[in-house]
Amino acid sequence: MTMLRNSIAVRLSVLFTLVALLVFMLIGSALYRQVDRSLDMLPAAELDARFSVLESTLKRYGTAEHWAKVHNKLNLLSEEDRRIRFWAVSSDPAFEYGHPTEQVRALAESGPGMRDLRLPERASPYKVLVSDLPALGERPPLRFLIAIDTETFAQAQHSLLVAIVGFATLGVLLASLLSYWVARIGLKPLLALSDEAQTLAPPRLDGRLQTKHLPPELARFADAFNTALERVSQAYSQLEAFNADVAHELRSPLTNLIGQTQVALTRGRSAEHYFEVLQSNLEELERLRSIINDMLFLASADQGSKATALSCASLAEEVATTLDYLDYILEDAQVQVSVSGDAQALIEKAQLRRALINLLHNAVQHTAAHGHIAVHIDSHEGQVSIAVSNPGPAIAEEHLPLLFERFYRVDAARANSGGNNHGLGLAIVKAIALMHGGSVFVRSEAGANTFGLNLPSVNPAGLP
């Protein structure tokens, strides 16, 4: 029942039925009013026609003897058409006709014109034409009344109303059935499209909906669906790669922990040897903790977390503080770092320093001994940028948009997977930039690779 109620074909059928009902009501109402107006005019027209036939006779006879001929003619007309009744109201009873009642006399006294007369024995009123006849000879002035029973006209009106309602109802029912049939035919391409879409499910996401023979409205929907499916396919591929990378990154330290522990337990060892094993295990556990913390941080960023503890700070000072923290790493790698430019920004210092550490650590890993890393801070178009450049071979264009994705490495062989590099550093930089309302960028040109982030700038008053 719910599926039927939510069916597009049923909804379209209901809408078409309502439209048909409205159209039939408007047309039927207009037709009924027009015919009703015409039927209302018929009694008056018939009365005028009959009086025009009798008028010359009524005005020609002015004696009681001759008035008897009028009686005979009126009796004959009344017998021929039972709908018609005649009355003559006069001060002289000899010139009256039809035995007028008090109600008829009161109607006659109201003056010439068209009137309605309701008699107790009749359900429908009489339409009455009241006319004046001037005095002639022995005949005093009198009021002549011609009445016609409107029951037949009322029956015609009722029959017309029943016919209009009946045909309208039949028309609405036919419109409902036909509209449902038409809707089903019209929705066939959509049903075929739905059946085709049912076949597109993981892991088979390489197919696309065919739009060549679709109507324009469905073609737009199919194009949008294909675009969404392309994004889903990419996300699914990235998720598969992500799962594989997570398994790889966690497997290495776990394998080391298990292997070293098993070797240590094969036979008795000296306290110094156990100390070395525990020291090595601690390093692997620290690596695991680092991976898990980074994953939890990225999961929080994915849920829309924002940097909240913001303060206005000099970016050059933050870079200098970060370089002091990395001093021993730079010294071991025999790499020099230069900083140029400065700008103010609203930042959460701990988060920005974490992003700077990752950017500088990434640059150090890909810089040969005695190399030089350049950090440039710039302000432009309402934002500030921190760019970290290191010398190195050019990165292929197709890799650049993916370098800030999790676990993504240009080197598929994972040449740099050792140490603390587990492929999340640049992803964390991107997350921190987004948490500050900024973005990231990467360039590979002129023998240098540049990674950086953009942050909203502040005016001298410290406002964004």
Protein backbone atom coordinates (compact mmCIF):
# COMPACT_ATOMS: atom_id res chain seq x y z
CA MET A 1 0.00 0.00 0.00
CA THR A 2 2.83 2.40 0.84
CA MET A 3 4.60 1.62 -2.44
CA LEU A 4 1.37 2.24 -4.36
CA ARG A 5 0.81 5.53 -2.53
CA ASN A 6 4.37 6.66 -3.29
CA SER A 7 4.24 5.56 -6.93
CA ILE A 8 4.98 8.35 -9.40
CA ALA A 9 2.45 6.87 -11.83
CA VAL A 10 -0.24 6.97 -9.15
CA ARG A 11 0.68 10.52 -8.17
CA LEU A 12 0.59 11.68 -11.79
CA SER A 13 -2.73 9.90 -12.25
CA VAL A 14 -4.16 11.63 -9.19
CA LEU A 15 -2.92 15.01 -10.43
CA PHE A 16 -4.36 14.42 -13.91
CA THR A 17 -7.63 13.33 -12.30
CA LEU A 18 -7.78 16.50 -10.21
CA VAL A 19 -7.07 18.59 -13.30
CA ALA A 20 -9.79 16.73 -15.24
CA LEU A 21 -12.19 17.17 -12.33
CA LEU A 22 -11.50 20.90 -12.22
CA VAL A 23 -11.93 21.24 -16.00
CA PHE A 24 -15.18 19.25 -16.02
CA MET A 25 -16.50 21.26 -13.07
CA LEU A 26 -15.74 24.57 -14.78
CA ILE A 27 -17.16 23.50 -18.15
CA GLY A 28 -20.18 21.78 -16.57
CA SER A 29 -20.90 24.76 -14.34
CA ALA A 30 -20.68 27.19 -17.27
CA LEU A 31 -22.86 24.93 -19.44
CA TYR A 32 -25.44 24.45 -16.70
CA ARG A 33 -25.68 28.17 -16.02
CA GLN A 34 -26.11 28.96 -19.69
CA VAL A 35 -28.82 26.34 -20.21
CA ASP A 36 -30.47 27.27 -16.91
CA ARG A 37 -30.62 30.88 -18.03
CA SER A 38 -32.17 29.81 -21.32
CA LEU A 39 -34.71 27.57 -19.56
CA ASP A 40 -35.67 30.44 -17.25
CA MET A 41 -36.44 32.57 -20.30
CA LEU A 42 -38.64 29.96 -22.00
CA PRO A 43 -41.79 30.32 -19.77
CA ALA A 44 -41.79 34.09 -20.17
CA ALA A 45 -41.30 33.77 -23.93
CA GLU A 46 -44.13 31.27 -24.21
CA LEU A 47 -46.44 33.47 -22.13
CA ASP A 48 -45.66 36.50 -24.29
CA ALA A 49 -46.37 34.46 -27.42
CA ARG A 50 -49.71 33.19 -26.15
CA PHE A 51 -50.83 36.63 -24.98
CA SER A 52 -49.94 38.17 -28.33
CA VAL A 53 -52.24 35.59 -29.99
CA LEU A 54 -55.11 36.30 -27.56
CA GLU A 55 -54.69 40.03 -27.22
CA SER A 56 -56.60 41.00 -30.36
CA THR A 57 -59.50 38.71 -29.41
CA LEU A 58 -59.65 39.99 -25.83
CA LYS A 59 -59.65 43.62 -26.93
CA ARG A 60 -62.32 43.06 -29.60
CA TYR A 61 -65.10 41.76 -27.34
CA GLY A 62 -66.78 44.27 -25.01
CA THR A 63 -70.16 42.72 -24.29
CA ALA A 64 -71.14 39.89 -21.94
CA GLU A 65 -72.54 37.90 -24.88
CA HIS A 66 -69.34 38.14 -26.80
CA TRP A 67 -67.30 37.48 -23.63
CA ALA A 68 -68.88 34.03 -23.53
CA LYS A 69 -66.98 33.28 -26.77
CA VAL A 70 -63.76 34.26 -24.95
CA HIS A 71 -64.69 31.76 -22.22
CA ASN A 72 -65.11 28.99 -24.75
CA LYS A 73 -61.79 29.74 -26.43
CA LEU A 74 -59.90 29.88 -23.14
CA ASN A 75 -61.53 26.59 -22.05
CA LEU A 76 -60.42 24.97 -25.30
CA LEU A 77 -56.84 26.26 -24.89
CA SER A 78 -56.70 25.04 -21.27
CA GLU A 79 -57.81 21.56 -22.32
CA GLU A 80 -55.24 21.43 -25.13
CA ASP A 81 -52.34 22.29 -22.80
CA ARG A 82 -52.80 21.41 -19.15
CA ARG A 83 -49.74 23.47 -18.26
CA ILE A 84 -51.54 26.69 -19.12
CA ARG A 85 -54.08 28.46 -16.93
CA PHE A 86 -56.01 31.70 -17.51
CA TRP A 87 -57.65 34.18 -15.15
CA ALA A 88 -59.53 37.37 -15.79
CA VAL A 89 -60.01 39.64 -12.74
CA SER A 90 -62.60 42.43 -13.01
CA SER A 91 -64.95 44.49 -10.89
CA ASP A 92 -67.83 42.95 -12.85
CA PRO A 93 -68.11 39.16 -12.21
CA ALA A 94 -69.62 38.73 -15.66
CA PHE A 95 -66.28 39.50 -17.22
CA GLU A 96 -64.16 37.30 -14.95
CA TYR A 97 -62.68 33.95 -15.88
CA GLY A 98 -61.04 31.02 -14.10
CA HIS A 99 -62.59 31.55 -10.67
CA PRO A 100 -59.72 33.66 -9.35
CA THR A 101 -58.83 33.03 -5.73
CA GLU A 102 -57.77 35.66 -3.23
CA GLN A 103 -54.16 34.81 -4.00
CA VAL A 104 -54.75 35.32 -7.73
CA ARG A 105 -56.61 38.60 -7.08
CA ALA A 106 -53.75 39.86 -4.91
CA LEU A 107 -51.32 38.97 -7.71
CA ALA A 108 -53.50 40.85 -10.23
CA GLU A 109 -53.61 43.94 -8.03
CA SER A 110 -49.79 44.05 -7.93
CA GLY A 111 -49.81 45.47 -11.44
CA PRO A 112 -48.78 44.35 -14.93
CA GLY A 113 -45.63 42.27 -15.37
CA MET A 114 -44.15 38.81 -14.93
CA ARG A 115 -44.78 37.18 -11.55
CA ASP A 116 -44.34 33.83 -9.75
CA LEU A 117 -47.39 32.19 -8.24
CA ARG A 118 -47.11 29.28 -5.82
CA LEU A 119 -50.22 27.17 -5.36
CA PRO A 120 -50.52 24.68 -2.48
CA GLU A 121 -51.28 21.74 -4.78
CA ARG A 122 -48.24 22.35 -7.04
CA ALA A 123 -44.60 21.64 -6.17
CA SER A 124 -43.30 24.08 -8.74
CA PRO A 125 -44.44 27.69 -9.06
CA TYR A 126 -46.45 29.07 -11.97
CA LYS A 127 -44.92 31.77 -14.10
CA VAL A 128 -47.64 34.39 -14.55
CA LEU A 129 -47.96 37.25 -17.04
CA VAL A 130 -50.25 40.00 -15.72
CA SER A 131 -51.66 42.32 -18.42
CA ASP A 132 -54.10 45.26 -18.42
CA LEU A 133 -57.15 45.30 -20.70
CA PRO A 134 -58.77 48.72 -21.03
CA ALA A 135 -62.54 49.17 -20.78
CA LEU A 136 -64.55 48.45 -23.93
CA GLY A 137 -68.32 48.82 -24.22
CA GLU A 138 -70.00 47.03 -21.35
CA ARG A 139 -66.68 45.55 -20.15
CA PRO A 140 -64.89 47.47 -17.41
CA PRO A 141 -61.07 47.53 -17.20
CA LEU A 142 -59.73 44.16 -16.15
CA ARG A 143 -56.49 42.29 -15.42
CA PHE A 144 -55.84 39.27 -17.61
CA LEU A 145 -53.44 36.61 -16.26
CA ILE A 146 -51.79 33.81 -18.23
CA ALA A 147 -49.90 31.23 -16.11
CA ILE A 148 -47.70 28.34 -17.17
CA ASP A 149 -46.60 25.48 -14.91
CA THR A 150 -42.77 25.47 -14.57
CA GLU A 151 -42.54 21.85 -13.40
CA THR A 152 -41.49 20.60 -16.83
CA PHE A 153 -38.77 23.24 -16.98
CA ALA A 154 -37.59 22.29 -13.47
CA GLN A 155 -37.50 18.65 -14.54
CA ALA A 156 -35.47 19.60 -17.58
CA GLN A 157 -33.06 21.53 -15.37
CA HIS A 158 -32.77 18.58 -12.99
CA SER A 159 -32.21 16.15 -15.87
CA LEU A 160 -29.54 18.46 -17.26
CA LEU A 161 -27.79 18.64 -13.88
CA VAL A 162 -27.89 14.85 -13.51
CA ALA A 163 -26.53 14.42 -17.03
CA ILE A 164 -23.72 16.90 -16.47
CA VAL A 165 -22.74 15.31 -13.14
CA GLY A 166 -22.95 11.83 -14.61
CA PHE A 167 -20.91 12.60 -17.70
CA ALA A 168 -18.40 14.58 -15.62
CA THR A 169 -18.01 11.63 -13.24
CA LEU A 170 -17.57 9.24 -16.14
CA GLY A 171 -15.10 11.63 -17.75
CA VAL A 172 -13.09 11.92 -14.53
CA LEU A 173 -12.95 8.13 -14.16
CA LEU A 174 -11.84 7.71 -17.77
CA ALA A 175 -9.30 10.50 -17.33
CA SER A 176 -7.98 8.78 -14.20
CA LEU A 177 -7.57 5.41 -15.93
CA LEU A 178 -6.11 6.90 -19.09
CA SER A 179 -3.75 9.16 -17.17
CA TYR A 180 -2.46 6.18 -15.17
CA TRP A 181 -1.94 4.25 -18.43
CA VAL A 182 -0.20 7.24 -20.03
CA ALA A 183 1.93 7.78 -16.91
CA ARG A 184 3.01 4.13 -16.96
CA ILE A 185 4.01 4.46 -20.60
CA GLY A 186 5.79 7.75 -19.96
CA LEU A 187 7.69 6.30 -17.00
CA LYS A 188 8.94 3.25 -18.87
CA PRO A 189 12.32 4.93 -19.60
CA LEU A 190 12.64 5.72 -15.89
CA LEU A 191 11.87 2.12 -14.93
CA ALA A 192 14.44 0.89 -17.45
CA LEU A 193 16.92 3.39 -16.04
CA SER A 194 16.19 2.13 -12.52
CA ASP A 195 16.75 -1.49 -13.60
CA GLU A 196 20.03 -0.47 -15.19
CA ALA A 197 21.09 1.40 -12.06
CA GLN A 198 20.38 -1.72 -9.96
CA THR A 199 23.24 -3.49 -11.71
CA LEU A 200 25.72 -0.80 -10.66
CA ALA A 201 26.90 -1.79 -7.20
CA PRO A 202 30.27 -2.43 -5.55
CA PRO A 203 32.60 -3.80 -6.60
CA ARG A 204 31.25 -3.19 -10.14
CA LEU A 205 31.35 0.59 -10.34
CA ASP A 206 32.93 1.01 -13.76
CA GLY A 207 29.59 0.94 -15.65
CA ARG A 208 27.58 4.06 -16.44
CA LEU A 209 23.96 4.75 -17.31
CA GLN A 210 23.31 5.07 -21.04
CA THR A 211 21.87 8.51 -21.90
CA LYS A 212 21.75 8.36 -25.69
CA HIS A 213 18.06 7.45 -26.10
CA LEU A 214 16.69 9.04 -22.92
CA PRO A 215 14.30 12.02 -22.83
CA PRO A 216 16.04 15.33 -22.00
CA GLU A 217 14.73 15.38 -18.40
CA LEU A 218 15.98 11.86 -17.67
CA ALA A 219 19.20 12.47 -19.57
CA ARG A 220 20.06 15.29 -17.15
CA PHE A 221 19.27 13.02 -14.21
CA ALA A 222 21.37 10.20 -15.69
CA ASP A 223 24.30 12.57 -16.29
CA ALA A 224 24.09 13.75 -12.68
CA PHE A 225 23.87 10.14 -11.51
CA ASN A 226 26.90 9.19 -13.62
CA THR A 227 28.84 12.11 -12.17
CA ALA A 228 27.92 11.04 -8.64
CA LEU A 229 28.80 7.44 -9.51
CA GLU A 230 32.19 8.60 -10.76
CA ARG A 231 32.83 10.27 -7.41
CA VAL A 232 31.62 7.17 -5.57
CA SER A 233 33.87 5.00 -7.73
CA GLN A 234 36.85 7.18 -6.91
CA ALA A 235 35.95 7.20 -3.22
CA TYR A 236 35.50 3.41 -3.26
CA SER A 237 38.88 2.96 -4.92
CA GLN A 238 40.47 5.31 -2.42
CA LEU A 239 38.75 3.44 0.42
CA GLU A 240 40.10 0.12 -0.83
CA ALA A 241 43.58 1.61 -1.10
CA PHE A 242 43.14 3.25 2.29
CA ASN A 243 42.18 -0.06 3.91
CA ALA A 244 45.17 -1.75 2.32
CA ASP A 245 47.47 1.06 3.47
CA VAL A 246 46.12 0.97 7.03
CA ALA A 247 46.63 -2.79 7.13
CA HIS A 248 50.16 -2.38 5.77
CA GLU A 249 51.10 0.40 8.17
CA LEU A 250 49.74 -1.44 11.21
CA ARG A 251 51.08 -4.82 10.16
CA SER A 252 54.73 -3.76 10.05
CA PRO A 253 55.05 -2.58 13.69
CA LEU A 254 52.83 -5.44 14.91
CA THR A 255 54.98 -7.97 13.04
CA ASN A 256 58.11 -6.43 14.55
CA LEU A 257 56.60 -6.52 18.05
CA ILE A 258 55.49 -10.13 17.75
CA GLY A 259 58.76 -11.29 16.12
CA GLN A 260 61.05 -9.60 18.62
CA THR A 261 58.97 -10.81 21.56
CA GLN A 262 58.88 -14.41 20.26
CA VAL A 263 62.65 -14.41 19.73
CA ALA A 264 63.22 -13.01 23.22
CA LEU A 265 61.05 -15.75 24.74
CA THR A 266 62.67 -18.70 22.93
CA ARG A 267 65.28 -19.04 25.70
CA GLY A 268 66.58 -17.25 28.71
CA ARG A 269 68.11 -13.83 28.05
CA SER A 270 70.11 -11.39 30.06
CA ALA A 271 68.45 -8.37 31.61
CA GLU A 272 70.36 -6.15 29.18
CA HIS A 273 68.93 -8.09 26.21
CA TYR A 274 65.38 -7.84 27.57
CA PHE A 275 65.93 -4.12 28.03
CA GLU A 276 66.93 -3.77 24.37
CA VAL A 277 63.86 -5.77 23.26
CA LEU A 278 61.56 -3.61 25.37
CA GLN A 279 63.24 -0.48 24.01
CA SER A 280 62.65 -1.66 20.44
CA ASN A 281 59.09 -2.67 21.24
CA LEU A 282 58.46 0.74 22.78
CA GLU A 283 59.53 2.41 19.52
CA GLU A 284 57.12 0.25 17.55
CA LEU A 285 54.34 0.97 20.04
CA GLU A 286 55.05 4.69 19.74
CA ARG A 287 54.73 4.32 15.98
CA LEU A 288 51.40 2.52 16.39
CA ARG A 289 50.17 5.20 18.75
CA SER A 290 51.20 7.89 16.28
CA ILE A 291 49.27 6.22 13.46
CA ILE A 292 46.17 5.75 15.63
CA ASN A 293 46.28 9.34 16.93
CA ASP A 294 46.64 10.67 13.40
CA MET A 295 43.70 8.55 12.22
CA LEU A 296 41.55 9.76 15.13
CA PHE A 297 42.48 13.36 14.36
CA LEU A 298 41.55 12.94 10.68
CA ALA A 299 38.28 11.27 11.65
CA SER A 300 37.46 14.24 13.88
CA ALA A 301 38.32 16.64 11.05
CA ASP A 302 36.08 14.68 8.67
CA GLN A 303 33.17 15.26 11.06
CA GLY A 304 33.53 19.02 10.63
CA SER A 305 35.67 19.96 13.62
CA LYS A 306 36.89 23.55 13.54
CA ALA A 307 39.84 25.30 15.13
CA THR A 308 38.44 27.12 18.17
CA ALA A 309 41.33 28.40 20.33
CA LEU A 310 42.27 31.06 17.78
CA SER A 311 44.69 33.88 18.43
CA CYS A 312 46.34 36.43 16.18
CA ALA A 313 50.01 35.52 15.68
CA SER A 314 52.98 36.16 13.44
CA LEU A 315 53.47 33.27 11.03
CA ALA A 316 57.20 33.96 10.79
CA GLU A 317 57.49 33.53 14.56
CA GLU A 318 55.56 30.26 14.41
CA VAL A 319 57.87 28.97 11.66
CA ALA A 320 60.91 29.96 13.73
CA THR A 321 59.52 28.13 16.78
CA THR A 322 58.92 25.04 14.67
CA LEU A 323 62.45 25.15 13.26
CA ASP A 324 63.85 25.28 16.79
CA TYR A 325 61.84 22.13 17.58
CA LEU A 326 63.22 20.41 14.44
CA ASP A 327 66.75 21.62 14.95
CA TYR A 328 68.22 18.18 15.66
CA ILE A 329 66.45 16.66 12.61
CA LEU A 330 67.76 19.42 10.34
CA GLU A 331 71.23 18.98 11.76
CA ASP A 332 71.23 15.22 11.22
CA ALA A 333 69.95 15.66 7.65
CA GLN A 334 72.50 18.43 7.01
CA VAL A 335 69.81 20.65 5.54
CA GLN A 336 69.56 24.45 5.71
CA VAL A 337 66.26 26.32 5.98
CA SER A 338 65.63 29.98 5.12
CA VAL A 339 62.48 31.94 5.99
CA SER A 340 61.22 35.00 4.08
CA GLY A 341 58.16 37.21 4.52
CA ASP A 342 55.67 37.49 7.38
CA ALA A 343 51.93 37.93 7.92
CA GLN A 344 49.38 37.92 10.69
CA ALA A 345 46.68 35.24 10.93
CA LEU A 346 44.13 33.90 13.40
CA ILE A 347 45.44 30.43 14.22
CA GLU A 348 45.32 27.69 16.78
CA LYS A 349 49.06 27.61 17.45
CA ALA A 350 49.39 23.95 18.42
CA GLN A 351 47.56 22.82 15.28
CA LEU A 352 49.49 25.15 12.95
CA ARG A 353 52.83 24.02 14.41
CA ARG A 354 51.76 20.43 13.79
CA ALA A 355 51.06 21.31 10.15
CA LEU A 356 54.41 23.14 9.85
CA ILE A 357 56.27 20.16 11.35
CA ASN A 358 54.69 17.86 8.78
CA LEU A 359 55.47 20.21 5.89
CA LEU A 360 59.10 20.69 6.99
CA HIS A 361 59.53 16.99 7.79
CA ASN A 362 58.22 16.13 4.31
CA ALA A 363 60.67 18.59 2.74
CA VAL A 364 63.61 17.22 4.79
CA GLN A 365 62.85 13.64 3.74
CA HIS A 366 63.05 14.59 0.06
CA THR A 367 66.07 16.88 0.26
CA ALA A 368 69.61 15.56 -0.22
CA ALA A 369 72.36 16.36 2.28
CA HIS A 370 73.62 19.95 2.14
CA GLY A 371 70.40 20.92 0.39
CA HIS A 372 68.37 24.06 1.02
CA ILE A 373 64.72 24.38 2.01
CA ALA A 374 62.92 27.73 1.49
CA VAL A 375 59.91 28.81 3.54
CA HIS A 376 58.07 31.78 2.08
CA ILE A 377 55.21 33.61 3.81
CA ASP A 378 53.03 35.85 1.65
CA SER A 379 49.77 37.78 1.91
CA HIS A 380 47.44 38.26 -1.07
CA GLU A 381 43.71 38.54 -1.90
CA GLY A 382 42.45 38.29 1.67
CA GLN A 383 44.53 35.28 2.65
CA VAL A 384 48.05 34.39 3.72
CA SER A 385 50.11 31.47 2.47
CA ILE A 386 52.99 29.45 3.88
CA ALA A 387 54.96 27.71 1.13
CA VAL A 388 57.71 25.16 1.88
CA SER A 389 59.95 24.44 -1.15
CA ASN A 390 62.65 21.80 -1.45
CA PRO A 391 64.83 20.82 -4.42
CA GLY A 392 63.95 17.51 -6.05
CA PRO A 393 62.86 15.75 -9.20
CA ALA A 394 59.63 16.93 -10.79
CA ILE A 395 56.41 15.23 -9.68
CA ALA A 396 54.12 14.08 -12.49
CA GLU A 397 51.07 16.28 -13.01
CA GLU A 398 48.58 13.47 -12.36
CA HIS A 399 49.98 12.93 -8.86
CA LEU A 400 49.73 16.55 -7.67
CA PRO A 401 45.99 16.65 -6.81
CA LEU A 402 46.35 13.42 -4.75
CA LEU A 403 49.41 14.20 -2.67
CA PHE A 404 47.36 15.46 0.27
CA GLU A 405 45.23 12.29 0.36
CA ARG A 406 45.79 9.74 3.13
CA PHE A 407 48.56 7.19 2.57
CA TYR A 408 49.13 8.46 -0.95
CA ARG A 409 52.72 8.23 -2.15
CA VAL A 410 54.17 8.87 -5.56
CA ASP A 411 56.53 5.95 -4.90
CA ALA A 412 54.28 2.90 -5.11
CA ALA A 413 57.11 0.73 -3.74
CA ARG A 414 56.93 2.67 -0.44
CA ALA A 415 60.57 3.55 -0.43
CA ASN A 416 59.95 5.98 2.40
CA SER A 417 57.69 3.88 4.52
CA GLY A 418 60.15 3.41 7.27
CA GLY A 419 60.63 5.53 10.35
CA ASN A 420 57.74 7.76 11.30
CA ASN A 421 56.57 8.33 7.76
CA HIS A 422 53.23 6.54 7.51
CA GLY A 423 51.62 8.59 4.73
CA LEU A 424 49.36 10.80 6.86
CA GLY A 425 51.51 13.90 7.29
CA LEU A 426 50.22 15.86 4.29
CA ALA A 427 46.64 14.65 4.92
CA ILE A 428 46.89 16.18 8.42
CA VAL A 429 48.18 19.44 6.90
CA LYS A 430 45.09 19.54 4.69
CA ALA A 431 42.78 18.80 7.62
CA ILE A 432 44.33 21.58 9.73
CA ALA A 433 44.02 24.05 6.86
CA LEU A 434 40.34 23.18 6.44
CA MET A 435 39.77 23.49 10.19
CA HIS A 436 41.05 27.08 9.91
CA GLY A 437 38.85 27.80 6.88
CA GLY A 438 41.80 27.59 4.50
CA SER A 439 43.15 25.29 1.80
CA VAL A 440 46.34 23.56 0.62
CA PHE A 441 48.36 23.73 -2.57
CA VAL A 442 51.26 21.97 -4.27
CA ARG A 443 53.50 22.94 -7.17
CA SER A 444 56.32 21.15 -8.95
CA GLU A 445 58.31 23.45 -11.21
CA ALA A 446 61.82 24.79 -11.87
CA GLY A 447 63.51 21.89 -10.06
CA ALA A 448 61.63 22.52 -6.81
CA ASN A 449 58.60 20.96 -5.16
CA THR A 450 56.46 23.31 -3.09
CA PHE A 451 53.86 22.29 -0.53
CA GLY A 452 51.88 24.81 1.49
CA LEU A 453 48.63 26.01 2.97
CA ASN A 454 46.47 29.11 2.71
CA LEU A 455 44.82 30.73 5.74
CA PRO A 456 42.38 33.65 6.04
CA SER A 457 44.28 36.88 6.66
CA VAL A 458 43.45 39.48 9.32
CA ASN A 459 43.37 43.27 9.17
CA PRO A 460 45.51 45.44 11.47
CA ALA A 461 42.73 45.31 14.10
CA GLY A 462 43.09 41.55 14.27
CA LEU A 463 39.78 40.76 12.56
CA PRO A 464 39.34 38.26 9.68
